[in-house]
Amino acid sequence: MISPNAVPPVCKIMDYGKYLYEQTKKVKEAKKNQKVVNIKEIRLSPTIEEHDIEIKANRAKKFLKDGDKVKVTVRFRGREADYSYKGNGILNLFVSKIEDVCVIEKPAKLEGRNMVLILAPKKA
């Protein structure tokens, strides 16, 4: 049916197999134009040194320039979980090193023994 509300209703006789083929072709074309965004993860520890943060930040910059999102995780082990403020400081330092190419999509949040922060690439 082309126009079921018209008086009389308008119908078109067509090949159903050809119709299905065209529909699947449209779906494939739409999928081809989609952009898949990957999430890359970078893990840090609360006792990480300045130079190591620098190296991980450079790696994150590369991921962001490629158009991927970056999930930065600080893992706490044992009693380190009591000092979650250190993890917050490390994440802030990490973001300050790469803030020219990223925007914070999801702020730092403590989830169990991990503190997670998600960064997205800045729009050009």
C-alpha atoms as a PDB file:
ATOM      1  CA  MET A   1       0.000   0.000   0.000  1.00  0.00           C
ATOM      2  CA  ILE A   2       1.313   3.404  -0.940  1.00  0.00           C
ATOM      3  CA  SER A   3      -1.442   5.583   0.503  1.00  0.00           C
ATOM      4  CA  PRO A   4      -3.858   3.601   2.715  1.00  0.00           C
ATOM      5  CA  ASN A   5      -5.781   6.715   3.913  1.00  0.00           C
ATOM      6  CA  ALA A   6      -6.764   7.890   0.426  1.00  0.00           C
ATOM      7  CA  VAL A   7     -10.237   7.214  -0.994  1.00  0.00           C
ATOM      8  CA  PRO A   8      -9.963   4.726  -2.682  1.00  0.00           C
ATOM      9  CA  PRO A   9      -6.686   3.378  -1.124  1.00  0.00           C
ATOM     10  CA  VAL A  10      -3.709   3.424  -3.521  1.00  0.00           C
ATOM     11  CA  CYS A  11      -1.748   0.196  -3.969  1.00  0.00           C
ATOM     12  CA  LYS A  12       1.218  -0.747  -6.124  1.00  0.00           C
ATOM     13  CA  ILE A  13       1.921  -4.209  -7.488  1.00  0.00           C
ATOM     14  CA  MET A  14       5.609  -5.082  -7.201  1.00  0.00           C
ATOM     15  CA  ASP A  15       8.111  -7.910  -6.925  1.00  0.00           C
ATOM     16  CA  TYR A  16       8.472  -8.684  -3.195  1.00  0.00           C
ATOM     17  CA  GLY A  17      11.910 -10.311  -3.637  1.00  0.00           C
ATOM     18  CA  LYS A  18      13.231  -7.193  -5.355  1.00  0.00           C
ATOM     19  CA  TYR A  19      11.744  -5.044  -2.562  1.00  0.00           C
ATOM     20  CA  LEU A  20      13.538  -7.083   0.141  1.00  0.00           C
ATOM     21  CA  TYR A  21      16.791  -6.922  -1.842  1.00  0.00           C
ATOM     22  CA  GLU A  22      16.595  -3.110  -2.036  1.00  0.00           C
ATOM     23  CA  GLN A  23      15.848  -2.872   1.690  1.00  0.00           C
ATOM     24  CA  THR A  24      18.918  -4.955   2.620  1.00  0.00           C
ATOM     25  CA  LYS A  25      21.009  -2.870   0.218  1.00  0.00           C
ATOM     26  CA  LYS A  26      19.887   0.329   2.001  1.00  0.00           C
ATOM     27  CA  VAL A  27      20.767  -1.167   5.400  1.00  0.00           C
ATOM     28  CA  LYS A  28      24.253  -2.170   4.189  1.00  0.00           C
ATOM     29  CA  GLU A  29      24.837   1.328   2.796  1.00  0.00           C
ATOM     30  CA  ALA A  30      23.825   2.877   6.129  1.00  0.00           C
ATOM     31  CA  LYS A  31      26.219   0.550   8.001  1.00  0.00           C
ATOM     32  CA  LYS A  32      29.067   1.491   5.670  1.00  0.00           C
ATOM     33  CA  ASN A  33      28.743   5.171   6.617  1.00  0.00           C
ATOM     34  CA  GLN A  34      28.745   4.501  10.376  1.00  0.00           C
ATOM     35  CA  LYS A  35      31.837   5.302  12.425  1.00  0.00           C
ATOM     36  CA  VAL A  36      32.763   2.737  15.042  1.00  0.00           C
ATOM     37  CA  VAL A  37      34.239   4.266  18.206  1.00  0.00           C
ATOM     38  CA  ASN A  38      36.581   2.014  20.160  1.00  0.00           C
ATOM     39  CA  ILE A  39      37.360   2.424  23.840  1.00  0.00           C
ATOM     40  CA  LYS A  40      41.032   1.983  24.694  1.00  0.00           C
ATOM     41  CA  GLU A  41      42.016   1.454  28.330  1.00  0.00           C
ATOM     42  CA  ILE A  42      45.060   2.805  30.138  1.00  0.00           C
ATOM     43  CA  ARG A  43      45.764   1.458  33.600  1.00  0.00           C
ATOM     44  CA  LEU A  44      47.621   3.387  36.260  1.00  0.00           C
ATOM     45  CA  SER A  45      48.494   2.666  39.874  1.00  0.00           C
ATOM     46  CA  PRO A  46      48.434   5.084  42.823  1.00  0.00           C
ATOM     47  CA  THR A  47      52.226   4.810  43.176  1.00  0.00           C
ATOM     48  CA  ILE A  48      53.071   5.672  39.558  1.00  0.00           C
ATOM     49  CA  GLU A  49      55.958   8.053  38.903  1.00  0.00           C
ATOM     50  CA  GLU A  50      55.884  11.300  36.894  1.00  0.00           C
ATOM     51  CA  HIS A  51      57.794   9.933  33.888  1.00  0.00           C
ATOM     52  CA  ASP A  52      55.541   6.880  33.624  1.00  0.00           C
ATOM     53  CA  ILE A  53      52.477   9.136  33.608  1.00  0.00           C
ATOM     54  CA  GLU A  54      54.132  11.114  30.792  1.00  0.00           C
ATOM     55  CA  ILE A  55      54.588   7.952  28.700  1.00  0.00           C
ATOM     56  CA  LYS A  56      51.011   6.769  29.289  1.00  0.00           C
ATOM     57  CA  ALA A  57      49.713  10.277  28.465  1.00  0.00           C
ATOM     58  CA  ASN A  58      51.532  10.223  25.135  1.00  0.00           C
ATOM     59  CA  ARG A  59      49.963   6.844  24.346  1.00  0.00           C
ATOM     60  CA  ALA A  60      46.518   8.233  25.265  1.00  0.00           C
ATOM     61  CA  LYS A  61      47.124  11.255  22.995  1.00  0.00           C
ATOM     62  CA  LYS A  62      47.776   8.880  20.104  1.00  0.00           C
ATOM     63  CA  PHE A  63      44.534   6.995  20.795  1.00  0.00           C
ATOM     64  CA  LEU A  64      42.541  10.242  20.986  1.00  0.00           C
ATOM     65  CA  LYS A  65      44.026  11.561  17.745  1.00  0.00           C
ATOM     66  CA  ASP A  66      42.949   8.315  16.052  1.00  0.00           C
ATOM     67  CA  GLY A  67      39.376   9.088  17.168  1.00  0.00           C
ATOM     68  CA  ASP A  68      39.078   6.499  19.942  1.00  0.00           C
ATOM     69  CA  LYS A  69      37.797   7.105  23.448  1.00  0.00           C
ATOM     70  CA  VAL A  70      40.167   6.438  26.348  1.00  0.00           C
ATOM     71  CA  LYS A  71      39.214   4.834  29.649  1.00  0.00           C
ATOM     72  CA  VAL A  72      41.792   5.709  32.311  1.00  0.00           C
ATOM     73  CA  THR A  73      41.731   3.348  35.293  1.00  0.00           C
ATOM     74  CA  VAL A  74      43.610   3.638  38.570  1.00  0.00           C
ATOM     75  CA  ARG A  75      43.747   0.223  40.238  1.00  0.00           C
ATOM     76  CA  PHE A  76      43.954   0.072  44.022  1.00  0.00           C
ATOM     77  CA  ARG A  77      45.415  -3.021  45.647  1.00  0.00           C
ATOM     78  CA  GLY A  78      45.089  -3.976  49.285  1.00  0.00           C
ATOM     79  CA  ARG A  79      45.260  -0.969  51.585  1.00  0.00           C
ATOM     80  CA  GLU A  80      45.762   1.469  48.715  1.00  0.00           C
ATOM     81  CA  ALA A  81      41.954   1.687  48.456  1.00  0.00           C
ATOM     82  CA  ASP A  82      41.908   3.720  51.683  1.00  0.00           C
ATOM     83  CA  TYR A  83      43.845   6.488  49.906  1.00  0.00           C
ATOM     84  CA  SER A  84      41.534   7.052  46.967  1.00  0.00           C
ATOM     85  CA  TYR A  85      42.364  10.784  47.008  1.00  0.00           C
ATOM     86  CA  LYS A  86      45.790   9.854  45.589  1.00  0.00           C
ATOM     87  CA  GLY A  87      44.071   8.228  42.629  1.00  0.00           C
ATOM     88  CA  ASN A  88      42.080  11.409  42.069  1.00  0.00           C
ATOM     89  CA  GLY A  89      45.303  13.443  42.064  1.00  0.00           C
ATOM     90  CA  ILE A  90      46.916  11.098  39.555  1.00  0.00           C
ATOM     91  CA  LEU A  91      43.907  11.282  37.227  1.00  0.00           C
ATOM     92  CA  ASN A  92      43.907  15.101  37.442  1.00  0.00           C
ATOM     93  CA  LEU A  93      47.639  15.175  36.609  1.00  0.00           C
ATOM     94  CA  PHE A  94      47.055  12.770  33.705  1.00  0.00           C
ATOM     95  CA  VAL A  95      44.240  14.905  32.270  1.00  0.00           C
ATOM     96  CA  SER A  96      46.286  18.102  32.646  1.00  0.00           C
ATOM     97  CA  LYS A  97      48.985  16.575  30.393  1.00  0.00           C
ATOM     98  CA  ILE A  98      46.566  15.820  27.549  1.00  0.00           C
ATOM     99  CA  GLU A  99      43.795  18.398  27.996  1.00  0.00           C
ATOM    100  CA  ASP A 100      44.615  20.016  24.615  1.00  0.00           C
ATOM    101  CA  VAL A 101      43.322  16.943  22.707  1.00  0.00           C
ATOM    102  CA  CYS A 102      40.600  15.583  24.995  1.00  0.00           C
ATOM    103  CA  VAL A 103      37.420  16.408  26.820  1.00  0.00           C
ATOM    104  CA  ILE A 104      36.214  14.583  29.936  1.00  0.00           C
ATOM    105  CA  GLU A 105      33.159  12.554  28.988  1.00  0.00           C
ATOM    106  CA  LYS A 106      32.630  10.886  32.357  1.00  0.00           C
ATOM    107  CA  PRO A 107      34.361  12.290  35.468  1.00  0.00           C
ATOM    108  CA  ALA A 108      36.431  10.150  37.848  1.00  0.00           C
ATOM    109  CA  LYS A 109      34.350   7.724  39.863  1.00  0.00           C
ATOM    110  CA  LEU A 110      35.342   5.012  42.313  1.00  0.00           C
ATOM    111  CA  GLU A 111      33.921   1.647  41.239  1.00  0.00           C
ATOM    112  CA  GLY A 112      34.956  -1.074  43.643  1.00  0.00           C
ATOM    113  CA  ARG A 113      38.779  -1.173  43.645  1.00  0.00           C
ATOM    114  CA  ASN A 114      39.105   0.915  40.478  1.00  0.00           C
ATOM    115  CA  MET A 115      38.772   4.635  39.858  1.00  0.00           C
ATOM    116  CA  VAL A 116      37.574   5.179  36.293  1.00  0.00           C
ATOM    117  CA  LEU A 117      37.642   8.263  34.043  1.00  0.00           C
ATOM    118  CA  ILE A 118      36.508   8.330  30.408  1.00  0.00           C
ATOM    119  CA  LEU A 119      37.992  10.795  27.911  1.00  0.00           C
ATOM    120  CA  ALA A 120      36.730  11.594  24.421  1.00  0.00           C
ATOM    121  CA  PRO A 121      38.582  13.340  21.594  1.00  0.00           C
ATOM    122  CA  LYS A 122      37.960  17.072  21.162  1.00  0.00           C
ATOM    123  CA  LYS A 123      35.890  18.044  18.159  1.00  0.00           C
ATOM    124  CA  ALA A 124      37.946  19.861  15.506  1.00  0.00           C
END
